[in-house]
Amino acid sequence: MVELRVHDDTLEVEVCGLHKVWALRGRLRIPLAAIAGVRRLPSDAISGWWKGWRMPGTHLPGVIVAGTYYKDREKHFWDVRNPECAVEIELVGSEWNRLYLEVADPEGAMGLLRDHATH
């Protein structure tokens, strides 16, 4: 799970607890100007085996997807165990193309991101 915070013109994504180990990353900083869209993640998002080339990260189909993945010429960051509590953030002009994040309050997170997105 992650915590989302907005500071000035930056979204801070703090990876919490053991998820830091699984994702091999503790924090991401994303310019708010890069946020192009946000939506709920489908409930079957972590089923199946192919999320892209994992570099580095953890993937146990149906259990967890965490870390950096390259797929279709895009760079994605995943940290999802429970897709029912996850959002997908589409980015432009950032190091990342998409973030798939499990959060405590998906509706609240989507509201926060929509309020601060400049696209």
PDB file of N, CA and C in Angstrom:
ATOM      1  N   MET A   1       0.842  -1.174   0.000  1.00  0.00           N
ATOM      2  CA  MET A   1       0.000   0.000   0.000  1.00  0.00           C
ATOM      3  C   MET A   1       0.890   1.240   0.000  1.00  0.00           C
ATOM      4  N   VAL A   2       0.336   2.313  -0.548  1.00  0.00           N
ATOM      5  CA  VAL A   2       1.071   3.572  -0.591  1.00  0.00           C
ATOM      6  C   VAL A   2       0.240   4.680   0.056  1.00  0.00           C
ATOM      7  N   GLU A   3       0.923   5.743   0.441  1.00  0.00           N
ATOM      8  CA  GLU A   3       0.277   6.976   0.882  1.00  0.00           C
ATOM      9  C   GLU A   3       0.608   8.048  -0.136  1.00  0.00           C
ATOM     10  N   LEU A   4      -0.397   8.845  -0.486  1.00  0.00           N
ATOM     11  CA  LEU A   4      -0.224   9.921  -1.448  1.00  0.00           C
ATOM     12  C   LEU A   4      -0.277  11.257  -0.726  1.00  0.00           C
ATOM     13  N   ARG A   5       0.675  12.140  -1.057  1.00  0.00           N
ATOM     14  CA  ARG A   5       0.705  13.489  -0.501  1.00  0.00           C
ATOM     15  C   ARG A   5       1.062  14.463  -1.616  1.00  0.00           C
ATOM     16  N   VAL A   6       0.475  15.649  -1.542  1.00  0.00           N
ATOM     17  CA  VAL A   6       0.791  16.711  -2.496  1.00  0.00           C
ATOM     18  C   VAL A   6       1.567  17.786  -1.763  1.00  0.00           C
ATOM     19  N   HIS A   7       2.748  18.122  -2.292  1.00  0.00           N
ATOM     20  CA  HIS A   7       3.584  19.205  -1.770  1.00  0.00           C
ATOM     21  C   HIS A   7       3.933  20.115  -2.932  1.00  0.00           C
ATOM     22  N   ASP A   8       3.468  21.356  -2.835  1.00  0.00           N
ATOM     23  CA  ASP A   8       3.696  22.341  -3.884  1.00  0.00           C
ATOM     24  C   ASP A   8       3.211  21.792  -5.225  1.00  0.00           C
ATOM     25  N   ASP A   9       4.107  21.537  -6.156  1.00  0.00           N
ATOM     26  CA  ASP A   9       3.715  21.057  -7.483  1.00  0.00           C
ATOM     27  C   ASP A   9       4.109  19.595  -7.705  1.00  0.00           C
ATOM     28  N   THR A  10       4.203  18.828  -6.605  1.00  0.00           N
ATOM     29  CA  THR A  10       4.683  17.446  -6.688  1.00  0.00           C
ATOM     30  C   THR A  10       3.753  16.490  -5.948  1.00  0.00           C
ATOM     31  N   LEU A  11       3.502  15.344  -6.568  1.00  0.00           N
ATOM     32  CA  LEU A  11       2.818  14.235  -5.909  1.00  0.00           C
ATOM     33  C   LEU A  11       3.885  13.337  -5.321  1.00  0.00           C
ATOM     34  N   GLU A  12       3.824  13.101  -4.025  1.00  0.00           N
ATOM     35  CA  GLU A  12       4.742  12.165  -3.378  1.00  0.00           C
ATOM     36  C   GLU A  12       3.999  10.865  -3.121  1.00  0.00           C
ATOM     37  N   VAL A  13       4.584   9.787  -3.607  1.00  0.00           N
ATOM     38  CA  VAL A  13       4.041   8.446  -3.406  1.00  0.00           C
ATOM     39  C   VAL A  13       4.974   7.745  -2.431  1.00  0.00           C
ATOM     40  N   GLU A  14       4.498   7.514  -1.211  1.00  0.00           N
ATOM     41  CA  GLU A  14       5.291   6.860  -0.167  1.00  0.00           C
ATOM     42  C   GLU A  14       4.870   5.396  -0.094  1.00  0.00           C
ATOM     43  N   VAL A  15       5.792   4.498  -0.411  1.00  0.00           N
ATOM     44  CA  VAL A  15       5.526   3.059  -0.331  1.00  0.00           C
ATOM     45  C   VAL A  15       5.693   2.649   1.126  1.00  0.00           C
ATOM     46  N   CYS A  16       4.684   1.965   1.674  1.00  0.00           N
ATOM     47  CA  CYS A  16       4.636   1.683   3.109  1.00  0.00           C
ATOM     48  C   CYS A  16       4.995   0.235   3.450  1.00  0.00           C
ATOM     49  N   GLY A  17       5.582   0.052   4.629  1.00  0.00           N
ATOM     50  CA  GLY A  17       5.824  -1.272   5.208  1.00  0.00           C
ATOM     51  C   GLY A  17       6.621  -2.206   4.320  1.00  0.00           C
ATOM     52  N   LEU A  18       6.208  -3.473   4.322  1.00  0.00           N
ATOM     53  CA  LEU A  18       6.899  -4.493   3.536  1.00  0.00           C
ATOM     54  C   LEU A  18       6.786  -4.265   2.038  1.00  0.00           C
ATOM     55  N   HIS A  19       5.859  -3.421   1.635  1.00  0.00           N
ATOM     56  CA  HIS A  19       5.727  -3.125   0.212  1.00  0.00           C
ATOM     57  C   HIS A  19       7.018  -2.516  -0.335  1.00  0.00           C
ATOM     58  N   LYS A  20       7.788  -1.821   0.520  1.00  0.00           N
ATOM     59  CA  LYS A  20       9.084  -1.287   0.092  1.00  0.00           C
ATOM     60  C   LYS A  20      10.006  -2.411  -0.359  1.00  0.00           C
ATOM     61  N   VAL A  21       9.958  -3.527   0.356  1.00  0.00           N
ATOM     62  CA  VAL A  21      10.790  -4.683   0.007  1.00  0.00           C
ATOM     63  C   VAL A  21      10.319  -5.284  -1.304  1.00  0.00           C
ATOM     64  N   TRP A  22       9.008  -5.478  -1.445  1.00  0.00           N
ATOM     65  CA  TRP A  22       8.460  -6.098  -2.655  1.00  0.00           C
ATOM     66  C   TRP A  22       8.649  -5.216  -3.883  1.00  0.00           C
ATOM     67  N   ALA A  23       8.482  -3.898  -3.709  1.00  0.00           N
ATOM     68  CA  ALA A  23       8.592  -2.970  -4.834  1.00  0.00           C
ATOM     69  C   ALA A  23      10.030  -2.518  -5.078  1.00  0.00           C
ATOM     70  N   LEU A  24      10.894  -2.750  -4.095  1.00  0.00           N
ATOM     71  CA  LEU A  24      12.287  -2.318  -4.164  1.00  0.00           C
ATOM     72  C   LEU A  24      12.399  -0.809  -4.394  1.00  0.00           C
ATOM     73  N   ARG A  25      11.478  -0.081  -3.764  1.00  0.00           N
ATOM     74  CA  ARG A  25      11.473   1.372  -3.859  1.00  0.00           C
ATOM     75  C   ARG A  25      10.655   1.910  -2.695  1.00  0.00           C
ATOM     76  N   GLY A  26      11.084   3.035  -2.143  1.00  0.00           N
ATOM     77  CA  GLY A  26      10.396   3.613  -1.003  1.00  0.00           C
ATOM     78  C   GLY A  26       9.565   4.832  -1.328  1.00  0.00           C
ATOM     79  N   ARG A  27       9.929   5.563  -2.375  1.00  0.00           N
ATOM     80  CA  ARG A  27       9.231   6.819  -2.664  1.00  0.00           C
ATOM     81  C   ARG A  27       9.362   7.174  -4.139  1.00  0.00           C
ATOM     82  N   LEU A  28       8.295   7.746  -4.671  1.00  0.00           N
ATOM     83  CA  LEU A  28       8.295   8.318  -6.013  1.00  0.00           C
ATOM     84  C   LEU A  28       7.873   9.778  -5.894  1.00  0.00           C
ATOM     85  N   ARG A  29       8.436  10.625  -6.716  1.00  0.00           N
ATOM     86  CA  ARG A  29       8.023  12.031  -6.797  1.00  0.00           C
ATOM     87  C   ARG A  29       7.633  12.307  -8.241  1.00  0.00           C
ATOM     88  N   ILE A  30       6.394  12.744  -8.398  1.00  0.00           N
ATOM     89  CA  ILE A  30       5.826  12.959  -9.728  1.00  0.00           C
ATOM     90  C   ILE A  30       5.352  14.410  -9.829  1.00  0.00           C
ATOM     91  N   PRO A  31       5.739  15.131 -10.876  1.00  0.00           N
ATOM     92  CA  PRO A  31       5.198  16.486 -11.065  1.00  0.00           C
ATOM     93  C   PRO A  31       3.682  16.419 -11.274  1.00  0.00           C
ATOM     94  N   LEU A  32       2.939  17.272 -10.594  1.00  0.00           N
ATOM     95  CA  LEU A  32       1.488  17.284 -10.764  1.00  0.00           C
ATOM     96  C   LEU A  32       1.100  17.553 -12.216  1.00  0.00           C
ATOM     97  N   ALA A  33       1.915  18.314 -12.911  1.00  0.00           N
ATOM     98  CA  ALA A  33       1.642  18.620 -14.317  1.00  0.00           C
ATOM     99  C   ALA A  33       1.681  17.374 -15.195  1.00  0.00           C
ATOM    100  N   ALA A  34       2.276  16.299 -14.726  1.00  0.00           N
ATOM    101  CA  ALA A  34       2.367  15.066 -15.512  1.00  0.00           C
ATOM    102  C   ALA A  34       1.112  14.201 -15.422  1.00  0.00           C
ATOM    103  N   ILE A  35       0.228  14.478 -14.475  1.00  0.00           N
ATOM    104  CA  ILE A  35      -0.960  13.637 -14.283  1.00  0.00           C
ATOM    105  C   ILE A  35      -1.965  13.923 -15.389  1.00  0.00           C
ATOM    106  N   ALA A  36      -2.212  12.910 -16.224  1.00  0.00           N
ATOM    107  CA  ALA A  36      -3.139  13.046 -17.349  1.00  0.00           C
ATOM    108  C   ALA A  36      -4.504  12.437 -17.037  1.00  0.00           C
ATOM    109  N   GLY A  37      -4.555  11.495 -16.101  1.00  0.00           N
ATOM    110  CA  GLY A  37      -5.824  10.863 -15.777  1.00  0.00           C
ATOM    111  C   GLY A  37      -5.670   9.908 -14.618  1.00  0.00           C
ATOM    112  N   VAL A  38      -6.811   9.585 -13.998  1.00  0.00           N
ATOM    113  CA  VAL A  38      -6.821   8.639 -12.891  1.00  0.00           C
ATOM    114  C   VAL A  38      -8.138   7.873 -12.933  1.00  0.00           C
ATOM    115  N   ARG A  39      -8.073   6.581 -12.635  1.00  0.00           N
ATOM    116  CA  ARG A  39      -9.273   5.748 -12.622  1.00  0.00           C
ATOM    117  C   ARG A  39      -9.080   4.597 -11.653  1.00  0.00           C
ATOM    118  N   ARG A  40     -10.171   3.934 -11.301  1.00  0.00           N
ATOM    119  CA  ARG A  40     -10.097   2.741 -10.462  1.00  0.00           C
ATOM    120  C   ARG A  40      -9.481   1.612 -11.280  1.00  0.00           C
ATOM    121  N   LEU A  41      -8.739   0.761 -10.609  1.00  0.00           N
ATOM    122  CA  LEU A  41      -8.143  -0.399 -11.249  1.00  0.00           C
ATOM    123  C   LEU A  41      -9.188  -1.508 -11.316  1.00  0.00           C
ATOM    124  N   PRO A  42      -9.294  -2.240 -12.417  1.00  0.00           N
ATOM    125  CA  PRO A  42     -10.240  -3.352 -12.492  1.00  0.00           C
ATOM    126  C   PRO A  42      -9.924  -4.412 -11.439  1.00  0.00           C
ATOM    127  N   SER A  43     -10.950  -5.104 -10.958  1.00  0.00           N
ATOM    128  CA  SER A  43     -10.774  -6.081  -9.878  1.00  0.00           C
ATOM    129  C   SER A  43      -9.901  -7.268 -10.275  1.00  0.00           C
ATOM    130  N   ASP A  44      -9.742  -7.526 -11.562  1.00  0.00           N
ATOM    131  CA  ASP A  44      -8.910  -8.647 -12.006  1.00  0.00           C
ATOM    132  C   ASP A  44      -7.505  -8.211 -12.418  1.00  0.00           C
ATOM    133  N   ALA A  45      -7.093  -7.026 -12.003  1.00  0.00           N
ATOM    134  CA  ALA A  45      -5.842  -6.421 -12.473  1.00  0.00           C
ATOM    135  C   ALA A  45      -4.591  -7.212 -12.129  1.00  0.00           C
ATOM    136  N   ILE A  46      -4.562  -7.949 -11.021  1.00  0.00           N
ATOM    137  CA  ILE A  46      -3.325  -8.655 -10.682  1.00  0.00           C
ATOM    138  C   ILE A  46      -3.384 -10.129 -11.045  1.00  0.00           C
ATOM    139  N   SER A  47      -4.507 -10.571 -11.623  1.00  0.00           N
ATOM    140  CA  SER A  47      -4.540 -11.949 -12.102  1.00  0.00           C
ATOM    141  C   SER A  47      -3.775 -12.001 -13.425  1.00  0.00           C
ATOM    142  N   GLY A  48      -3.434 -13.171 -13.842  1.00  0.00           N
ATOM    143  CA  GLY A  48      -2.633 -13.301 -15.058  1.00  0.00           C
ATOM    144  C   GLY A  48      -1.159 -13.123 -14.754  1.00  0.00           C
ATOM    145  N   TRP A  49      -0.342 -13.531 -15.664  1.00  0.00           N
ATOM    146  CA  TRP A  49       1.087 -13.560 -15.356  1.00  0.00           C
ATOM    147  C   TRP A  49       1.877 -12.436 -16.011  1.00  0.00           C
ATOM    148  N   TRP A  50       1.407 -11.809 -17.076  1.00  0.00           N
ATOM    149  CA  TRP A  50       2.250 -10.870 -17.809  1.00  0.00           C
ATOM    150  C   TRP A  50       1.884  -9.420 -17.506  1.00  0.00           C
ATOM    151  N   LYS A  51       2.736  -8.741 -16.789  1.00  0.00           N
ATOM    152  CA  LYS A  51       2.592  -7.308 -16.524  1.00  0.00           C
ATOM    153  C   LYS A  51       3.674  -6.525 -17.254  1.00  0.00           C
ATOM    154  N   GLY A  52       4.588  -7.224 -17.862  1.00  0.00           N
ATOM    155  CA  GLY A  52       5.707  -6.609 -18.561  1.00  0.00           C
ATOM    156  C   GLY A  52       7.012  -7.167 -18.029  1.00  0.00           C
ATOM    157  N   TRP A  53       8.103  -6.618 -18.520  1.00  0.00           N
ATOM    158  CA  TRP A  53       9.427  -7.032 -18.047  1.00  0.00           C
ATOM    159  C   TRP A  53       9.664  -6.412 -16.680  1.00  0.00           C
ATOM    160  N   ARG A  54       9.869  -7.229 -15.687  1.00  0.00           N
ATOM    161  CA  ARG A  54      10.039  -6.782 -14.300  1.00  0.00           C
ATOM    162  C   ARG A  54      11.494  -6.398 -14.066  1.00  0.00           C
ATOM    163  N   MET A  55      11.722  -5.138 -13.649  1.00  0.00           N
ATOM    164  CA  MET A  55      13.095  -4.658 -13.466  1.00  0.00           C
ATOM    165  C   MET A  55      13.177  -3.553 -12.432  1.00  0.00           C
ATOM    166  N   PRO A  56      13.357  -3.749 -11.228  1.00  0.00           N
ATOM    167  CA  PRO A  56      13.166  -4.940 -10.409  1.00  0.00           C
ATOM    168  C   PRO A  56      11.776  -4.914  -9.788  1.00  0.00           C
ATOM    169  N   GLY A  57      11.394  -6.024  -9.183  1.00  0.00           N
ATOM    170  CA  GLY A  57      10.097  -6.082  -8.542  1.00  0.00           C
ATOM    171  C   GLY A  57       9.696  -7.487  -8.157  1.00  0.00           C
ATOM    172  N   THR A  58       8.424  -7.623  -7.786  1.00  0.00           N
ATOM    173  CA  THR A  58       7.856  -8.879  -7.314  1.00  0.00           C
ATOM    174  C   THR A  58       6.537  -9.107  -8.029  1.00  0.00           C
ATOM    175  N   HIS A  59       6.308 -10.351  -8.476  1.00  0.00           N
ATOM    176  CA  HIS A  59       5.023 -10.681  -9.093  1.00  0.00           C
ATOM    177  C   HIS A  59       4.653 -12.116  -8.774  1.00  0.00           C
ATOM    178  N   LEU A  60       3.585 -12.248  -7.993  1.00  0.00           N
ATOM    179  CA  LEU A  60       2.970 -13.546  -7.739  1.00  0.00           C
ATOM    180  C   LEU A  60       1.548 -13.417  -8.246  1.00  0.00           C
ATOM    181  N   PRO A  61       1.208 -14.014  -9.416  1.00  0.00           N
ATOM    182  CA  PRO A  61      -0.110 -13.814 -10.016  1.00  0.00           C
ATOM    183  C   PRO A  61      -1.251 -14.066  -9.029  1.00  0.00           C
ATOM    184  N   GLY A  62      -2.155 -13.096  -8.967  1.00  0.00           N
ATOM    185  CA  GLY A  62      -3.297 -13.177  -8.070  1.00  0.00           C
ATOM    186  C   GLY A  62      -2.994 -12.796  -6.635  1.00  0.00           C
ATOM    187  N   VAL A  63      -1.712 -12.520  -6.322  1.00  0.00           N
ATOM    188  CA  VAL A  63      -1.318 -12.195  -4.948  1.00  0.00           C
ATOM    189  C   VAL A  63      -0.766 -10.773  -4.849  1.00  0.00           C
ATOM    190  N   ILE A  64       0.258 -10.455  -5.636  1.00  0.00           N
ATOM    191  CA  ILE A  64       0.882  -9.130  -5.578  1.00  0.00           C
ATOM    192  C   ILE A  64       1.610  -8.826  -6.882  1.00  0.00           C
ATOM    193  N   VAL A  65       1.581  -7.554  -7.237  1.00  0.00           N
ATOM    194  CA  VAL A  65       2.424  -7.011  -8.303  1.00  0.00           C
ATOM    195  C   VAL A  65       3.053  -5.758  -7.705  1.00  0.00           C
ATOM    196  N   ALA A  66       4.378  -5.714  -7.668  1.00  0.00           N
ATOM    197  CA  ALA A  66       5.067  -4.565  -7.072  1.00  0.00           C
ATOM    198  C   ALA A  66       6.393  -4.349  -7.787  1.00  0.00           C
ATOM    199  N   GLY A  67       6.718  -3.087  -8.018  1.00  0.00           N
ATOM    200  CA  GLY A  67       8.004  -2.755  -8.610  1.00  0.00           C
ATOM    201  C   GLY A  67       7.868  -2.094  -9.964  1.00  0.00           C
ATOM    202  N   THR A  68       8.966  -2.073 -10.688  1.00  0.00           N
ATOM    203  CA  THR A  68       9.064  -1.424 -11.987  1.00  0.00           C
ATOM    204  C   THR A  68       8.896  -2.455 -13.095  1.00  0.00           C
ATOM    205  N   TYR A  69       8.042  -2.124 -14.060  1.00  0.00           N
ATOM    206  CA  TYR A  69       7.765  -3.012 -15.186  1.00  0.00           C
ATOM    207  C   TYR A  69       7.817  -2.220 -16.481  1.00  0.00           C
ATOM    208  N   TYR A  70       8.331  -2.858 -17.535  1.00  0.00           N
ATOM    209  CA  TYR A  70       8.364  -2.260 -18.865  1.00  0.00           C
ATOM    210  C   TYR A  70       7.460  -3.075 -19.767  1.00  0.00           C
ATOM    211  N   LYS A  71       6.485  -2.378 -20.373  1.00  0.00           N
ATOM    212  CA  LYS A  71       5.534  -3.065 -21.247  1.00  0.00           C
ATOM    213  C   LYS A  71       5.094  -2.110 -22.346  1.00  0.00           C
ATOM    214  N   ASP A  72       5.100  -2.594 -23.584  1.00  0.00           N
ATOM    215  CA  ASP A  72       4.649  -1.794 -24.731  1.00  0.00           C
ATOM    216  C   ASP A  72       5.350  -0.438 -24.794  1.00  0.00           C
ATOM    217  N   ARG A  73       6.654  -0.462 -24.573  1.00  0.00           N
ATOM    218  CA  ARG A  73       7.490   0.751 -24.626  1.00  0.00           C
ATOM    219  C   ARG A  73       7.129   1.783 -23.569  1.00  0.00           C
ATOM    220  N   GLU A  74       6.507   1.326 -22.498  1.00  0.00           N
ATOM    221  CA  GLU A  74       6.167   2.196 -21.383  1.00  0.00           C
ATOM    222  C   GLU A  74       6.807   1.688 -20.102  1.00  0.00           C
ATOM    223  N   LYS A  75       7.010   2.606 -19.168  1.00  0.00           N
ATOM    224  CA  LYS A  75       7.553   2.270 -17.853  1.00  0.00           C
ATOM    225  C   LYS A  75       6.436   2.438 -16.829  1.00  0.00           C
ATOM    226  N   HIS A  76       6.133   1.338 -16.126  1.00  0.00           N
ATOM    227  CA  HIS A  76       5.048   1.316 -15.154  1.00  0.00           C
ATOM    228  C   HIS A  76       5.596   1.045 -13.765  1.00  0.00           C
ATOM    229  N   PHE A  77       4.924   1.608 -12.756  1.00  0.00           N
ATOM    230  CA  PHE A  77       5.218   1.260 -11.370  1.00  0.00           C
ATOM    231  C   PHE A  77       3.969   0.647 -10.775  1.00  0.00           C
ATOM    232  N   TRP A  78       4.138  -0.527 -10.158  1.00  0.00           N
ATOM    233  CA  TRP A  78       3.044  -1.253  -9.518  1.00  0.00           C
ATOM    234  C   TRP A  78       3.311  -1.379  -8.022  1.00  0.00           C
ATOM    235  N   ASP A  79       2.256  -1.257  -7.248  1.00  0.00           N
ATOM    236  CA  ASP A  79       2.251  -1.681  -5.845  1.00  0.00           C
ATOM    237  C   ASP A  79       0.808  -2.029  -5.490  1.00  0.00           C
ATOM    238  N   VAL A  80       0.411  -3.259  -5.837  1.00  0.00           N
ATOM    239  CA  VAL A  80      -0.975  -3.683  -5.656  1.00  0.00           C
ATOM    240  C   VAL A  80      -1.027  -5.114  -5.138  1.00  0.00           C
ATOM    241  N   ARG A  81      -1.715  -5.285  -4.010  1.00  0.00           N
ATOM    242  CA  ARG A  81      -2.101  -6.610  -3.501  1.00  0.00           C
ATOM    243  C   ARG A  81      -3.603  -6.775  -3.608  1.00  0.00           C
ATOM    244  N   ASN A  82      -4.336  -5.714  -3.292  1.00  0.00           N
ATOM    245  CA  ASN A  82      -5.790  -5.744  -3.329  1.00  0.00           C
ATOM    246  C   ASN A  82      -6.283  -4.773  -4.397  1.00  0.00           C
ATOM    247  N   PRO A  83      -6.613  -5.265  -5.590  1.00  0.00           N
ATOM    248  CA  PRO A  83      -7.019  -4.363  -6.668  1.00  0.00           C
ATOM    249  C   PRO A  83      -8.318  -3.606  -6.372  1.00  0.00           C
ATOM    250  N   GLU A  84      -9.125  -4.096  -5.442  1.00  0.00           N
ATOM    251  CA  GLU A  84     -10.353  -3.389  -5.067  1.00  0.00           C
ATOM    252  C   GLU A  84     -10.041  -2.019  -4.453  1.00  0.00           C
ATOM    253  N   CYS A  85      -8.821  -1.841  -3.952  1.00  0.00           N
ATOM    254  CA  CYS A  85      -8.399  -0.582  -3.317  1.00  0.00           C
ATOM    255  C   CYS A  85      -7.315   0.117  -4.132  1.00  0.00           C
ATOM    256  N   ALA A  86      -7.314  -0.081  -5.443  1.00  0.00           N
ATOM    257  CA  ALA A  86      -6.216   0.438  -6.253  1.00  0.00           C
ATOM    258  C   ALA A  86      -6.700   1.416  -7.317  1.00  0.00           C
ATOM    259  N   VAL A  87      -5.790   2.312  -7.697  1.00  0.00           N
ATOM    260  CA  VAL A  87      -6.044   3.284  -8.756  1.00  0.00           C
ATOM    261  C   VAL A  87      -4.934   3.181  -9.798  1.00  0.00           C
ATOM    262  N   GLU A  88      -5.270   3.587 -11.004  1.00  0.00           N
ATOM    263  CA  GLU A  88      -4.300   3.698 -12.093  1.00  0.00           C
ATOM    264  C   GLU A  88      -4.150   5.168 -12.413  1.00  0.00           C
ATOM    265  N   ILE A  89      -2.905   5.650 -12.426  1.00  0.00           N
ATOM    266  CA  ILE A  89      -2.624   7.053 -12.740  1.00  0.00           C
ATOM    267  C   ILE A  89      -1.867   7.083 -14.058  1.00  0.00           C
ATOM    268  N   GLU A  90      -2.430   7.761 -15.033  1.00  0.00           N
ATOM    269  CA  GLU A  90      -1.790   7.919 -16.327  1.00  0.00           C
ATOM    270  C   GLU A  90      -0.961   9.199 -16.300  1.00  0.00           C
ATOM    271  N   LEU A  91       0.280   9.106 -16.787  1.00  0.00           N
ATOM    272  CA  LEU A  91       1.206  10.242 -16.749  1.00  0.00           C
ATOM    273  C   LEU A  91       1.726  10.568 -18.141  1.00  0.00           C
ATOM    274  N   VAL A  92       2.055  11.839 -18.359  1.00  0.00           N
ATOM    275  CA  VAL A  92       2.719  12.276 -19.588  1.00  0.00           C
ATOM    276  C   VAL A  92       3.898  13.159 -19.209  1.00  0.00           C
ATOM    277  N   GLY A  93       4.980  13.026 -19.942  1.00  0.00           N
ATOM    278  CA  GLY A  93       6.148  13.861 -19.686  1.00  0.00           C
ATOM    279  C   GLY A  93       6.838  13.559 -18.374  1.00  0.00           C
ATOM    280  N   SER A  94       6.722  12.332 -17.896  1.00  0.00           N
ATOM    281  CA  SER A  94       7.322  11.915 -16.637  1.00  0.00           C
ATOM    282  C   SER A  94       8.238  10.721 -16.886  1.00  0.00           C
ATOM    283  N   GLU A  95       9.026  10.395 -15.902  1.00  0.00           N
ATOM    284  CA  GLU A  95       9.862   9.184 -15.974  1.00  0.00           C
ATOM    285  C   GLU A  95       8.983   7.945 -16.147  1.00  0.00           C
ATOM    286  N   TRP A  96       7.785   7.971 -15.560  1.00  0.00           N
ATOM    287  CA  TRP A  96       6.844   6.848 -15.590  1.00  0.00           C
ATOM    288  C   TRP A  96       5.709   7.170 -16.550  1.00  0.00           C
ATOM    289  N   ASN A  97       5.112   6.129 -17.145  1.00  0.00           N
ATOM    290  CA  ASN A  97       3.939   6.307 -17.989  1.00  0.00           C
ATOM    291  C   ASN A  97       2.641   6.006 -17.236  1.00  0.00           C
ATOM    292  N   ARG A  98       2.716   5.044 -16.303  1.00  0.00           N
ATOM    293  CA  ARG A  98       1.542   4.669 -15.512  1.00  0.00           C
ATOM    294  C   ARG A  98       1.980   4.216 -14.123  1.00  0.00           C
ATOM    295  N   LEU A  99       1.145   4.565 -13.141  1.00  0.00           N
ATOM    296  CA  LEU A  99       1.329   4.086 -11.775  1.00  0.00           C
ATOM    297  C   LEU A  99       0.082   3.285 -11.411  1.00  0.00           C
ATOM    298  N   TYR A 100       0.280   2.095 -10.861  1.00  0.00           N
ATOM    299  CA  TYR A 100      -0.813   1.262 -10.375  1.00  0.00           C
ATOM    300  C   TYR A 100      -0.599   1.138  -8.866  1.00  0.00           C
ATOM    301  N   LEU A 101      -1.482   1.788  -8.081  1.00  0.00           N
ATOM    302  CA  LEU A 101      -1.211   1.949  -6.658  1.00  0.00           C
ATOM    303  C   LEU A 101      -2.394   1.523  -5.801  1.00  0.00           C
ATOM    304  N   GLU A 102      -2.119   0.715  -4.790  1.00  0.00           N
ATOM    305  CA  GLU A 102      -3.120   0.379  -3.792  1.00  0.00           C
ATOM    306  C   GLU A 102      -3.081   1.452  -2.707  1.00  0.00           C
ATOM    307  N   VAL A 103      -4.244   2.011  -2.412  1.00  0.00           N
ATOM    308  CA  VAL A 103      -4.363   3.084  -1.422  1.00  0.00           C
ATOM    309  C   VAL A 103      -5.473   2.734  -0.430  1.00  0.00           C
ATOM    310  N   ALA A 104      -5.473   3.383   0.718  1.00  0.00           N
ATOM    311  CA  ALA A 104      -6.490   3.113   1.743  1.00  0.00           C
ATOM    312  C   ALA A 104      -7.872   3.576   1.290  1.00  0.00           C
ATOM    313  N   ASP A 105      -7.946   4.690   0.553  1.00  0.00           N
ATOM    314  CA  ASP A 105      -9.217   5.267   0.131  1.00  0.00           C
ATOM    315  C   ASP A 105      -9.137   5.621  -1.356  1.00  0.00           C
ATOM    316  N   PRO A 106      -9.514   4.699  -2.242  1.00  0.00           N
ATOM    317  CA  PRO A 106      -9.389   4.971  -3.679  1.00  0.00           C
ATOM    318  C   PRO A 106     -10.173   6.194  -4.153  1.00  0.00           C
ATOM    319  N   GLU A 107     -11.392   6.371  -3.665  1.00  0.00           N
ATOM    320  CA  GLU A 107     -12.188   7.530  -4.090  1.00  0.00           C
ATOM    321  C   GLU A 107     -11.547   8.832  -3.624  1.00  0.00           C
ATOM    322  N   GLY A 108     -11.041   8.847  -2.395  1.00  0.00           N
ATOM    323  CA  GLY A 108     -10.346  10.022  -1.883  1.00  0.00           C
ATOM    324  C   GLY A 108      -9.084  10.319  -2.669  1.00  0.00           C
ATOM    325  N   ALA A 109      -8.339   9.276  -3.022  1.00  0.00           N
ATOM    326  CA  ALA A 109      -7.113   9.456  -3.803  1.00  0.00           C
ATOM    327  C   ALA A 109      -7.428  10.010  -5.182  1.00  0.00           C
ATOM    328  N   MET A 110      -8.482   9.478  -5.817  1.00  0.00           N
ATOM    329  CA  MET A 110      -8.845   9.986  -7.139  1.00  0.00           C
ATOM    330  C   MET A 110      -9.279  11.448  -7.056  1.00  0.00           C
ATOM    331  N   GLY A 111     -10.016  11.810  -6.015  1.00  0.00           N
ATOM    332  CA  GLY A 111     -10.410  13.208  -5.835  1.00  0.00           C
ATOM    333  C   GLY A 111      -9.213  14.112  -5.643  1.00  0.00           C
ATOM    334  N   LEU A 112      -8.267  13.688  -4.805  1.00  0.00           N
ATOM    335  CA  LEU A 112      -7.044  14.460  -4.567  1.00  0.00           C
ATOM    336  C   LEU A 112      -6.294  14.686  -5.870  1.00  0.00           C
ATOM    337  N   LEU A 113      -6.136  13.640  -6.653  1.00  0.00           N
ATOM    338  CA  LEU A 113      -5.364  13.749  -7.889  1.00  0.00           C
ATOM    339  C   LEU A 113      -6.100  14.592  -8.924  1.00  0.00           C
ATOM    340  N   ARG A 114      -7.398  14.429  -9.026  1.00  0.00           N
ATOM    341  CA  ARG A 114      -8.167  15.245  -9.981  1.00  0.00           C
ATOM    342  C   ARG A 114      -8.154  16.714  -9.581  1.00  0.00           C
ATOM    343  N   ASP A 115      -8.186  16.993  -8.294  1.00  0.00           N
ATOM    344  CA  ASP A 115      -8.152  18.383  -7.833  1.00  0.00           C
ATOM    345  C   ASP A 115      -6.831  19.062  -8.165  1.00  0.00           C
ATOM    346  N   HIS A 116      -5.747  18.296  -8.187  1.00  0.00           N
ATOM    347  CA  HIS A 116      -4.424  18.888  -8.386  1.00  0.00           C
ATOM    348  C   HIS A 116      -3.845  18.686  -9.795  1.00  0.00           C
ATOM    349  N   ALA A 117      -4.469  17.827 -10.590  1.00  0.00           N
ATOM    350  CA  ALA A 117      -3.962  17.583 -11.945  1.00  0.00           C
ATOM    351  C   ALA A 117      -4.142  18.838 -12.788  1.00  0.00           C
ATOM    352  N   THR A 118      -3.183  19.115 -13.633  1.00  0.00           N
ATOM    353  CA  THR A 118      -3.249  20.296 -14.482  1.00  0.00           C
ATOM    354  C   THR A 118      -3.609  19.961 -15.913  1.00  0.00           C
ATOM    355  N   HIS A 119      -3.714  18.682 -16.265  1.00  0.00           N
ATOM    356  CA  HIS A 119      -4.093  18.293 -17.636  1.00  0.00           C
ATOM    357  C   HIS A 119      -5.579  18.250 -17.775  1.00  0.00           C
TER     358      HIS A 119
END
